[in-house]
Structure formats: structure tokens, C-alpha cells
Amino acid sequence: MEHDNNHRPHSFISLRGIEKSFAGKPVLRGIDLEVMEGETMVVLGGSGEGKSVLLRHINGLERPDAGEVYADGKRLNGLSEDELFPIRRDIAMVFQLGALFDSLTVFGNLSYPIREHGERDETRIRNRVRAVLEMVELKEEVAQQFPSELSGGMQKRVALARALALEPKAVLYDEPTTGLDPLVTHKINLLIRNLQTRLGFTSVVVTHDLKSAFVVGDRFALLDHGRIRFSGTAEEVRSTKDELMREFIEAAL
């Protein structure tokens, strides 16, 4: 029987030997990373270490110069934009600054991906928008507002809601709490954690904020000079002998 090992966690995202250079400058130099189904993997590292570049390989926004990317059992290398379309439906991304459309209301922003992927029934669209707003703890009235009328924390919640609109199997977060004050940061982190627990999707979170990392993460990977220098659980992070990881922890705590 094929599905006998279904209760055992299996890898949902797999990066094998990923290399990527920009203008001749190597950014990723042989990345190996496995993210198990249903877990939250946090990728840590200083700025300019290529964390966002790594993230963008997972849904085909970047293509590797060498190495292989697998997501949900599919090899992404060499897929056309059309073939990547359904994969990006299943692997949603929350961009660093939210990337909401200023000219659209919150309803417009949230219904956009739903229409883009072929839904035409207005009642179903409205119901889905209502459901995702509820998931991120926003009132239905917010749907009529424009992003510019919302606080940074609310904009971030709308960006999260948009990522959830198509019921993805995985969500990628690029520095999800950048520019937010500590209290709002904490609330967004708890929301990210609760959504993942409640909906069970796989998450990869890129951050340089270790306090946030410990709130949201199950496992942690440290990016250093284009390679994964360390990966492990929170316990393994705290007890590590790795010098750079220790510096990270001391700086954060």
C-alpha cells in the first residue's frame, strides 16, 4: 500500500545544492534544506545573506543556477510560468512590505487572487473574503477600507489574509514583522503561529529577529555566506556550540 507511511512527516519543500549568483556575485553557494510537511521552518541570518533569495526559490520566483527545488513532490526546475501558476496557488507568499494594491479596497485585494484563479461566483468570493478576514481577526467592515487607511499591523493582517485566500498548502513569509513596533510584532507572530497550528499548512519564515523566530518556529536554519551553517530545533539552537548561532542568541536575548 502506497500511503502506509502517511502518518510519518515527509518533506514538503526540498532544496538540494542550490546555487545562485547575481551579476557574477555568488549569493547562495550550495543550499541544502528540507522543510517537513506542517512545520514552520525559520531561516535566520544577517541582512544581505540571501534569505529572501532563498525564499523566492521555493515558489519559482527565482530560478537556481545549479541545484534542484522540490515542492509538494514536484520538481520546479525548468517549469514554465504557466506551469508555476498552480504551484504559486499552493505556496503563497507574504511579501516584506505587504505588497497590497493601494488602488483597491481590502475587499479588492483579497478577492483579486480568488478571481485570478478562476472563481466567478460573487457569493462564494464574498464568503471566502469574510472567512479569511475572520482568520486574521479583522472585522468585516475593514473590507471597504483602502490599505492607506489602515495601521501597519492591520495592513500586515490583510497581507496574511490574502496569502490564505486560496487555501494554500504552504505559506512563505519574508520578514513578516519588519517596521512594526514590538507589541504589534508580538501579535502578528502569535497570529502566524495560531494560523499554522489551526490550518496545518507548512511555513517558511525569513527573519533576522530571533525573538520572533522562537515564537513562530519549530525548526531553525542559519544562513551564513550562502550556505546553511546550522539547523535544528529550539532546544538545539539554545544548546548549540556554533559560535555564530550563539552570537545571534546573545544579541537577541
C-alpha atoms as a PDB file:
ATOM      1  CA  MET A   1       0.000   0.000   0.000  1.00  0.00           C
ATOM      2  CA  GLU A   2       1.411   3.328  -1.091  1.00  0.00           C
ATOM      3  CA  HIS A   3       0.043   5.561   1.684  1.00  0.00           C
ATOM      4  CA  ASP A   4       1.117   3.399   4.583  1.00  0.00           C
ATOM      5  CA  ASN A   5       3.618   5.928   5.854  1.00  0.00           C
ATOM      6  CA  ASN A   6       1.170   8.826   5.708  1.00  0.00           C
ATOM      7  CA  HIS A   7       1.361   9.438   9.447  1.00  0.00           C
ATOM      8  CA  ARG A   8       5.125   9.930   9.210  1.00  0.00           C
ATOM      9  CA  PRO A   9       6.090  13.504   8.386  1.00  0.00           C
ATOM     10  CA  HIS A  10       7.550  13.853   4.953  1.00  0.00           C
ATOM     11  CA  SER A  11       9.419  16.634   3.255  1.00  0.00           C
ATOM     12  CA  PHE A  12       7.151  19.239   1.651  1.00  0.00           C
ATOM     13  CA  ILE A  13       9.941  21.540   0.456  1.00  0.00           C
ATOM     14  CA  SER A  14      13.366  20.349  -0.501  1.00  0.00           C
ATOM     15  CA  LEU A  15      16.289  22.480  -1.685  1.00  0.00           C
ATOM     16  CA  ARG A  16      19.278  20.493  -2.893  1.00  0.00           C
ATOM     17  CA  GLY A  17      22.591  22.119  -3.739  1.00  0.00           C
ATOM     18  CA  ILE A  18      21.019  25.459  -4.666  1.00  0.00           C
ATOM     19  CA  GLU A  19      23.436  27.988  -6.133  1.00  0.00           C
ATOM     20  CA  LYS A  20      22.520  31.481  -7.258  1.00  0.00           C
ATOM     21  CA  SER A  21      24.631  34.447  -8.329  1.00  0.00           C
ATOM     22  CA  PHE A  22      23.661  37.984  -9.300  1.00  0.00           C
ATOM     23  CA  ALA A  23      25.954  39.909 -11.642  1.00  0.00           C
ATOM     24  CA  GLY A  24      28.665  37.346 -11.008  1.00  0.00           C
ATOM     25  CA  LYS A  25      28.412  37.637  -7.218  1.00  0.00           C
ATOM     26  CA  PRO A  26      27.511  34.334  -5.528  1.00  0.00           C
ATOM     27  CA  VAL A  27      24.634  34.726  -3.069  1.00  0.00           C
ATOM     28  CA  LEU A  28      23.641  31.090  -2.459  1.00  0.00           C
ATOM     29  CA  ARG A  29      26.528  28.619  -2.567  1.00  0.00           C
ATOM     30  CA  GLY A  30      25.027  25.178  -2.232  1.00  0.00           C
ATOM     31  CA  ILE A  31      21.914  25.363  -0.052  1.00  0.00           C
ATOM     32  CA  ASP A  32      20.503  22.097   1.292  1.00  0.00           C
ATOM     33  CA  LEU A  33      17.272  22.450   3.237  1.00  0.00           C
ATOM     34  CA  GLU A  34      14.347  20.152   3.997  1.00  0.00           C
ATOM     35  CA  VAL A  35      11.084  21.526   5.363  1.00  0.00           C
ATOM     36  CA  MET A  36       8.721  18.881   6.659  1.00  0.00           C
ATOM     37  CA  GLU A  37       5.011  18.948   5.946  1.00  0.00           C
ATOM     38  CA  GLY A  38       3.109  21.030   8.510  1.00  0.00           C
ATOM     39  CA  GLU A  39       6.125  22.508  10.269  1.00  0.00           C
ATOM     40  CA  THR A  40       7.345  26.088  10.495  1.00  0.00           C
ATOM     41  CA  MET A  41      10.957  26.472   9.425  1.00  0.00           C
ATOM     42  CA  VAL A  42      12.581  29.785  10.309  1.00  0.00           C
ATOM     43  CA  VAL A  43      15.523  30.896   8.177  1.00  0.00           C
ATOM     44  CA  LEU A  44      17.794  33.223  10.139  1.00  0.00           C
ATOM     45  CA  GLY A  45      20.768  35.258   9.024  1.00  0.00           C
ATOM     46  CA  GLY A  46      22.167  38.758   8.812  1.00  0.00           C
ATOM     47  CA  SER A  47      20.995  41.205   6.190  1.00  0.00           C
ATOM     48  CA  GLY A  48      22.425  40.600   2.726  1.00  0.00           C
ATOM     49  CA  GLU A  49      22.888  36.872   3.398  1.00  0.00           C
ATOM     50  CA  GLY A  50      20.353  35.868   0.729  1.00  0.00           C
ATOM     51  CA  LYS A  51      17.445  34.821   2.964  1.00  0.00           C
ATOM     52  CA  SER A  52      14.829  36.414   0.689  1.00  0.00           C
ATOM     53  CA  VAL A  53      16.546  34.994  -2.391  1.00  0.00           C
ATOM     54  CA  LEU A  54      16.365  31.534  -0.846  1.00  0.00           C
ATOM     55  CA  LEU A  55      12.667  32.032  -0.076  1.00  0.00           C
ATOM     56  CA  ARG A  56      11.900  33.115  -3.642  1.00  0.00           C
ATOM     57  CA  HIS A  57      13.309  29.849  -4.988  1.00  0.00           C
ATOM     58  CA  ILE A  58      10.642  27.860  -3.155  1.00  0.00           C
ATOM     59  CA  ASN A  59       7.780  29.083  -5.362  1.00  0.00           C
ATOM     60  CA  GLY A  60       9.789  29.626  -8.525  1.00  0.00           C
ATOM     61  CA  LEU A  61      10.100  33.441  -8.323  1.00  0.00           C
ATOM     62  CA  GLU A  62      13.843  32.851  -8.597  1.00  0.00           C
ATOM     63  CA  ARG A  63      15.405  30.050 -10.589  1.00  0.00           C
ATOM     64  CA  PRO A  64      18.640  28.435  -9.376  1.00  0.00           C
ATOM     65  CA  ASP A  65      21.858  28.482 -11.395  1.00  0.00           C
ATOM     66  CA  ALA A  66      22.510  24.974 -10.069  1.00  0.00           C
ATOM     67  CA  GLY A  67      20.754  22.514  -7.789  1.00  0.00           C
ATOM     68  CA  GLU A  68      17.162  21.346  -7.513  1.00  0.00           C
ATOM     69  CA  VAL A  69      13.987  22.653  -5.913  1.00  0.00           C
ATOM     70  CA  TYR A  70      11.143  20.318  -4.977  1.00  0.00           C
ATOM     71  CA  ALA A  71       7.834  21.476  -3.545  1.00  0.00           C
ATOM     72  CA  ASP A  72       4.909  19.196  -2.761  1.00  0.00           C
ATOM     73  CA  GLY A  73       6.625  16.385  -4.652  1.00  0.00           C
ATOM     74  CA  LYS A  74       7.098  18.433  -7.842  1.00  0.00           C
ATOM     75  CA  ARG A  75      10.433  19.462  -9.279  1.00  0.00           C
ATOM     76  CA  LEU A  76      10.263  23.194 -10.046  1.00  0.00           C
ATOM     77  CA  ASN A  77      13.408  23.423 -12.176  1.00  0.00           C
ATOM     78  CA  GLY A  78      12.584  24.214 -15.749  1.00  0.00           C
ATOM     79  CA  LEU A  79       8.834  24.723 -15.248  1.00  0.00           C
ATOM     80  CA  SER A  80       7.289  27.482 -17.362  1.00  0.00           C
ATOM     81  CA  GLU A  81       5.426  30.435 -15.797  1.00  0.00           C
ATOM     82  CA  ASP A  82       2.149  28.717 -16.763  1.00  0.00           C
ATOM     83  CA  GLU A  83       3.224  25.513 -15.008  1.00  0.00           C
ATOM     84  CA  LEU A  84       4.268  27.505 -11.918  1.00  0.00           C
ATOM     85  CA  PHE A  85       0.835  29.183 -11.701  1.00  0.00           C
ATOM     86  CA  PRO A  86      -0.873  26.311  -9.810  1.00  0.00           C
ATOM     87  CA  ILE A  87       2.205  25.870  -7.615  1.00  0.00           C
ATOM     88  CA  ARG A  88       2.012  29.512  -6.523  1.00  0.00           C
ATOM     89  CA  ARG A  89      -1.612  28.920  -5.656  1.00  0.00           C
ATOM     90  CA  ASP A  90      -0.494  26.162  -3.262  1.00  0.00           C
ATOM     91  CA  ILE A  91       2.579  28.034  -1.989  1.00  0.00           C
ATOM     92  CA  ALA A  92       1.523  31.552  -1.060  1.00  0.00           C
ATOM     93  CA  MET A  93       3.907  34.340  -0.191  1.00  0.00           C
ATOM     94  CA  VAL A  94       3.624  37.222   2.261  1.00  0.00           C
ATOM     95  CA  PHE A  95       5.992  39.886   0.967  1.00  0.00           C
ATOM     96  CA  GLN A  96       8.113  42.038   3.238  1.00  0.00           C
ATOM     97  CA  LEU A  97       6.107  45.237   2.881  1.00  0.00           C
ATOM     98  CA  GLY A  98       2.762  43.540   2.380  1.00  0.00           C
ATOM     99  CA  ALA A  99       2.655  44.461  -1.335  1.00  0.00           C
ATOM    100  CA  LEU A 100      -1.042  45.344  -1.238  1.00  0.00           C
ATOM    101  CA  PHE A 101      -2.631  47.182  -4.154  1.00  0.00           C
ATOM    102  CA  ASP A 102      -3.160  50.770  -2.946  1.00  0.00           C
ATOM    103  CA  SER A 103      -5.820  51.457  -5.567  1.00  0.00           C
ATOM    104  CA  LEU A 104      -8.021  48.571  -4.398  1.00  0.00           C
ATOM    105  CA  THR A 105     -10.038  48.269  -1.202  1.00  0.00           C
ATOM    106  CA  VAL A 106      -9.232  45.455   1.207  1.00  0.00           C
ATOM    107  CA  PHE A 107     -12.084  43.511  -0.435  1.00  0.00           C
ATOM    108  CA  GLY A 108     -10.485  44.161  -3.826  1.00  0.00           C
ATOM    109  CA  ASN A 109      -7.101  42.986  -2.573  1.00  0.00           C
ATOM    110  CA  LEU A 110      -8.497  39.811  -1.044  1.00  0.00           C
ATOM    111  CA  SER A 111     -10.798  38.908  -3.917  1.00  0.00           C
ATOM    112  CA  TYR A 112      -8.078  39.531  -6.524  1.00  0.00           C
ATOM    113  CA  PRO A 113      -6.256  36.185  -6.176  1.00  0.00           C
ATOM    114  CA  ILE A 114      -9.585  34.346  -5.929  1.00  0.00           C
ATOM    115  CA  ARG A 115     -10.778  35.826  -9.259  1.00  0.00           C
ATOM    116  CA  GLU A 116      -7.320  35.421 -10.778  1.00  0.00           C
ATOM    117  CA  HIS A 117      -7.622  31.684 -10.204  1.00  0.00           C
ATOM    118  CA  GLY A 118     -10.973  31.450 -11.938  1.00  0.00           C
ATOM    119  CA  GLU A 119     -13.729  31.897  -9.331  1.00  0.00           C
ATOM    120  CA  ARG A 120     -16.674  33.844 -10.804  1.00  0.00           C
ATOM    121  CA  ASP A 121     -19.406  33.260  -8.232  1.00  0.00           C
ATOM    122  CA  GLU A 122     -19.733  36.566  -6.314  1.00  0.00           C
ATOM    123  CA  THR A 123     -21.369  34.929  -3.286  1.00  0.00           C
ATOM    124  CA  ARG A 124     -18.536  32.412  -2.954  1.00  0.00           C
ATOM    125  CA  ILE A 125     -15.975  35.205  -3.362  1.00  0.00           C
ATOM    126  CA  ARG A 126     -17.672  37.292  -0.643  1.00  0.00           C
ATOM    127  CA  ASN A 127     -17.868  34.308   1.693  1.00  0.00           C
ATOM    128  CA  ARG A 128     -14.200  33.490   1.217  1.00  0.00           C
ATOM    129  CA  VAL A 129     -13.160  37.116   1.840  1.00  0.00           C
ATOM    130  CA  ARG A 130     -15.260  37.142   5.014  1.00  0.00           C
ATOM    131  CA  ALA A 131     -13.676  33.859   6.138  1.00  0.00           C
ATOM    132  CA  VAL A 132     -10.071  34.995   5.648  1.00  0.00           C
ATOM    133  CA  LEU A 133     -10.716  38.327   7.393  1.00  0.00           C
ATOM    134  CA  GLU A 134     -12.041  36.353  10.335  1.00  0.00           C
ATOM    135  CA  MET A 135      -8.945  34.117  10.306  1.00  0.00           C
ATOM    136  CA  VAL A 136      -6.694  37.148  10.756  1.00  0.00           C
ATOM    137  CA  GLU A 137      -9.035  38.651  13.371  1.00  0.00           C
ATOM    138  CA  LEU A 138     -10.253  41.626  11.337  1.00  0.00           C
ATOM    139  CA  LYS A 139     -13.849  42.868  11.303  1.00  0.00           C
ATOM    140  CA  GLU A 140     -15.867  42.590   8.112  1.00  0.00           C
ATOM    141  CA  GLU A 141     -16.156  46.411   7.817  1.00  0.00           C
ATOM    142  CA  VAL A 142     -12.397  46.565   7.110  1.00  0.00           C
ATOM    143  CA  ALA A 143     -13.178  45.125   3.652  1.00  0.00           C
ATOM    144  CA  GLN A 144     -14.458  48.541   2.493  1.00  0.00           C
ATOM    145  CA  GLN A 145     -11.309  50.433   3.513  1.00  0.00           C
ATOM    146  CA  PHE A 146      -8.193  51.138   1.469  1.00  0.00           C
ATOM    147  CA  PRO A 147      -4.773  49.931   2.655  1.00  0.00           C
ATOM    148  CA  SER A 148      -3.624  53.530   3.239  1.00  0.00           C
ATOM    149  CA  GLU A 149      -6.393  53.943   5.841  1.00  0.00           C
ATOM    150  CA  LEU A 150      -5.094  51.024   7.913  1.00  0.00           C
ATOM    151  CA  SER A 151      -2.349  50.807  10.538  1.00  0.00           C
ATOM    152  CA  GLY A 152       0.826  48.863   9.713  1.00  0.00           C
ATOM    153  CA  GLY A 153      -0.336  45.924  11.813  1.00  0.00           C
ATOM    154  CA  MET A 154      -3.718  45.806  10.071  1.00  0.00           C
ATOM    155  CA  GLN A 155      -2.073  46.019   6.649  1.00  0.00           C
ATOM    156  CA  LYS A 156       0.059  43.044   7.650  1.00  0.00           C
ATOM    157  CA  ARG A 157      -3.067  41.119   8.664  1.00  0.00           C
ATOM    158  CA  VAL A 158      -4.636  41.890   5.271  1.00  0.00           C
ATOM    159  CA  ALA A 159      -1.469  40.660   3.536  1.00  0.00           C
ATOM    160  CA  LEU A 160      -1.721  37.439   5.579  1.00  0.00           C
ATOM    161  CA  ALA A 161      -5.407  37.105   4.697  1.00  0.00           C
ATOM    162  CA  ARG A 162      -4.579  37.499   1.015  1.00  0.00           C
ATOM    163  CA  ALA A 163      -1.983  34.730   1.243  1.00  0.00           C
ATOM    164  CA  LEU A 164      -4.648  32.459   2.771  1.00  0.00           C
ATOM    165  CA  ALA A 165      -7.340  33.307   0.211  1.00  0.00           C
ATOM    166  CA  LEU A 166      -6.681  30.230  -1.945  1.00  0.00           C
ATOM    167  CA  GLU A 167      -6.253  27.758   0.942  1.00  0.00           C
ATOM    168  CA  PRO A 168      -2.551  27.190   0.285  1.00  0.00           C
ATOM    169  CA  LYS A 169      -0.599  24.134   1.428  1.00  0.00           C
ATOM    170  CA  ALA A 170       2.360  26.320   2.363  1.00  0.00           C
ATOM    171  CA  VAL A 171       2.952  29.986   3.223  1.00  0.00           C
ATOM    172  CA  LEU A 172       6.280  31.777   2.786  1.00  0.00           C
ATOM    173  CA  TYR A 173       6.882  34.855   4.938  1.00  0.00           C
ATOM    174  CA  ASP A 174       9.552  37.397   4.030  1.00  0.00           C
ATOM    175  CA  GLU A 175      10.464  39.387   7.184  1.00  0.00           C
ATOM    176  CA  PRO A 176       6.808  39.447   8.292  1.00  0.00           C
ATOM    177  CA  THR A 177       7.278  41.926  11.146  1.00  0.00           C
ATOM    178  CA  THR A 178       9.597  44.488   9.535  1.00  0.00           C
ATOM    179  CA  GLY A 179       8.697  48.042  10.528  1.00  0.00           C
ATOM    180  CA  LEU A 180       6.187  47.069  13.211  1.00  0.00           C
ATOM    181  CA  ASP A 181       6.524  48.108  16.844  1.00  0.00           C
ATOM    182  CA  PRO A 182       7.294  45.389  19.459  1.00  0.00           C
ATOM    183  CA  LEU A 183       3.707  44.939  20.634  1.00  0.00           C
ATOM    184  CA  VAL A 184       2.259  44.660  17.128  1.00  0.00           C
ATOM    185  CA  THR A 185       5.183  42.392  16.183  1.00  0.00           C
ATOM    186  CA  HIS A 186       4.285  40.077  19.041  1.00  0.00           C
ATOM    187  CA  LYS A 187       0.612  39.992  17.996  1.00  0.00           C
ATOM    188  CA  ILE A 188       1.487  39.225  14.373  1.00  0.00           C
ATOM    189  CA  ASN A 189       3.854  36.454  15.500  1.00  0.00           C
ATOM    190  CA  LEU A 190       1.134  34.885  17.629  1.00  0.00           C
ATOM    191  CA  LEU A 191      -1.279  35.148  14.702  1.00  0.00           C
ATOM    192  CA  ILE A 192       1.218  33.436  12.363  1.00  0.00           C
ATOM    193  CA  ARG A 193       1.686  30.676  14.933  1.00  0.00           C
ATOM    194  CA  ASN A 194      -2.051  30.218  15.542  1.00  0.00           C
ATOM    195  CA  LEU A 195      -2.895  30.112  11.837  1.00  0.00           C
ATOM    196  CA  GLN A 196      -0.252  27.483  11.206  1.00  0.00           C
ATOM    197  CA  THR A 197      -1.462  25.388  14.158  1.00  0.00           C
ATOM    198  CA  ARG A 198      -5.112  25.737  13.213  1.00  0.00           C
ATOM    199  CA  LEU A 199      -4.820  25.262   9.445  1.00  0.00           C
ATOM    200  CA  GLY A 200      -1.849  22.885   9.478  1.00  0.00           C
ATOM    201  CA  PHE A 201      -0.017  24.289   6.462  1.00  0.00           C
ATOM    202  CA  THR A 202       3.761  24.263   6.040  1.00  0.00           C
ATOM    203  CA  SER A 203       5.536  27.582   6.667  1.00  0.00           C
ATOM    204  CA  VAL A 204       8.915  29.075   5.932  1.00  0.00           C
ATOM    205  CA  VAL A 205       9.645  32.339   7.732  1.00  0.00           C
ATOM    206  CA  VAL A 206      12.624  34.516   6.868  1.00  0.00           C
ATOM    207  CA  THR A 207      13.655  36.845   9.667  1.00  0.00           C
ATOM    208  CA  HIS A 208      16.639  38.344  11.423  1.00  0.00           C
ATOM    209  CA  ASP A 209      14.647  38.718  14.634  1.00  0.00           C
ATOM    210  CA  LEU A 210      15.367  35.780  16.930  1.00  0.00           C
ATOM    211  CA  LYS A 211      12.665  36.722  19.450  1.00  0.00           C
ATOM    212  CA  SER A 212      10.090  36.429  16.664  1.00  0.00           C
ATOM    213  CA  ALA A 213      11.725  33.247  15.439  1.00  0.00           C
ATOM    214  CA  PHE A 214      11.228  31.481  18.761  1.00  0.00           C
ATOM    215  CA  VAL A 215       7.537  32.438  18.850  1.00  0.00           C
ATOM    216  CA  VAL A 216       6.719  31.100  15.374  1.00  0.00           C
ATOM    217  CA  GLY A 217       9.275  28.397  14.640  1.00  0.00           C
ATOM    218  CA  ASP A 218       9.519  24.610  15.023  1.00  0.00           C
ATOM    219  CA  ARG A 219      12.948  24.356  13.431  1.00  0.00           C
ATOM    220  CA  PHE A 220      15.592  26.915  12.584  1.00  0.00           C
ATOM    221  CA  ALA A 221      18.238  27.233   9.893  1.00  0.00           C
ATOM    222  CA  LEU A 222      21.068  29.764   9.947  1.00  0.00           C
ATOM    223  CA  LEU A 223      22.256  31.142   6.619  1.00  0.00           C
ATOM    224  CA  ASP A 224      25.879  32.234   6.531  1.00  0.00           C
ATOM    225  CA  HIS A 225      27.907  33.134   3.436  1.00  0.00           C
ATOM    226  CA  GLY A 226      25.438  31.418   1.133  1.00  0.00           C
ATOM    227  CA  ARG A 227      25.244  28.101   2.985  1.00  0.00           C
ATOM    228  CA  ILE A 228      23.089  26.662   5.743  1.00  0.00           C
ATOM    229  CA  ARG A 229      25.504  26.720   8.623  1.00  0.00           C
ATOM    230  CA  PHE A 230      23.258  25.225  11.275  1.00  0.00           C
ATOM    231  CA  SER A 231      19.782  23.750  11.505  1.00  0.00           C
ATOM    232  CA  GLY A 232      17.852  22.350  14.422  1.00  0.00           C
ATOM    233  CA  THR A 233      15.006  22.667  16.911  1.00  0.00           C
ATOM    234  CA  ALA A 234      14.657  25.445  19.504  1.00  0.00           C
ATOM    235  CA  GLU A 235      16.353  23.186  22.061  1.00  0.00           C
ATOM    236  CA  GLU A 236      19.245  22.519  19.688  1.00  0.00           C
ATOM    237  CA  VAL A 237      19.531  26.238  18.967  1.00  0.00           C
ATOM    238  CA  ARG A 238      19.733  27.058  22.664  1.00  0.00           C
ATOM    239  CA  SER A 239      22.338  24.405  23.400  1.00  0.00           C
ATOM    240  CA  THR A 240      24.413  24.877  20.241  1.00  0.00           C
ATOM    241  CA  LYS A 241      28.174  25.241  20.299  1.00  0.00           C
ATOM    242  CA  ASP A 242      28.095  27.048  16.948  1.00  0.00           C
ATOM    243  CA  GLU A 243      29.702  30.441  17.530  1.00  0.00           C
ATOM    244  CA  LEU A 244      27.662  32.465  15.047  1.00  0.00           C
ATOM    245  CA  MET A 245      24.410  30.933  16.294  1.00  0.00           C
ATOM    246  CA  ARG A 246      25.453  31.729  19.874  1.00  0.00           C
ATOM    247  CA  GLU A 247      26.163  35.352  18.880  1.00  0.00           C
ATOM    248  CA  PHE A 248      22.709  35.533  17.328  1.00  0.00           C
ATOM    249  CA  ILE A 249      21.094  34.236  20.503  1.00  0.00           C
ATOM    250  CA  GLU A 250      23.057  36.558  22.779  1.00  0.00           C
ATOM    251  CA  ALA A 251      22.255  39.586  20.613  1.00  0.00           C
ATOM    252  CA  ALA A 252      18.562  38.694  20.616  1.00  0.00           C
ATOM    253  CA  LEU A 253      18.085  37.697  24.226  1.00  0.00           C
END
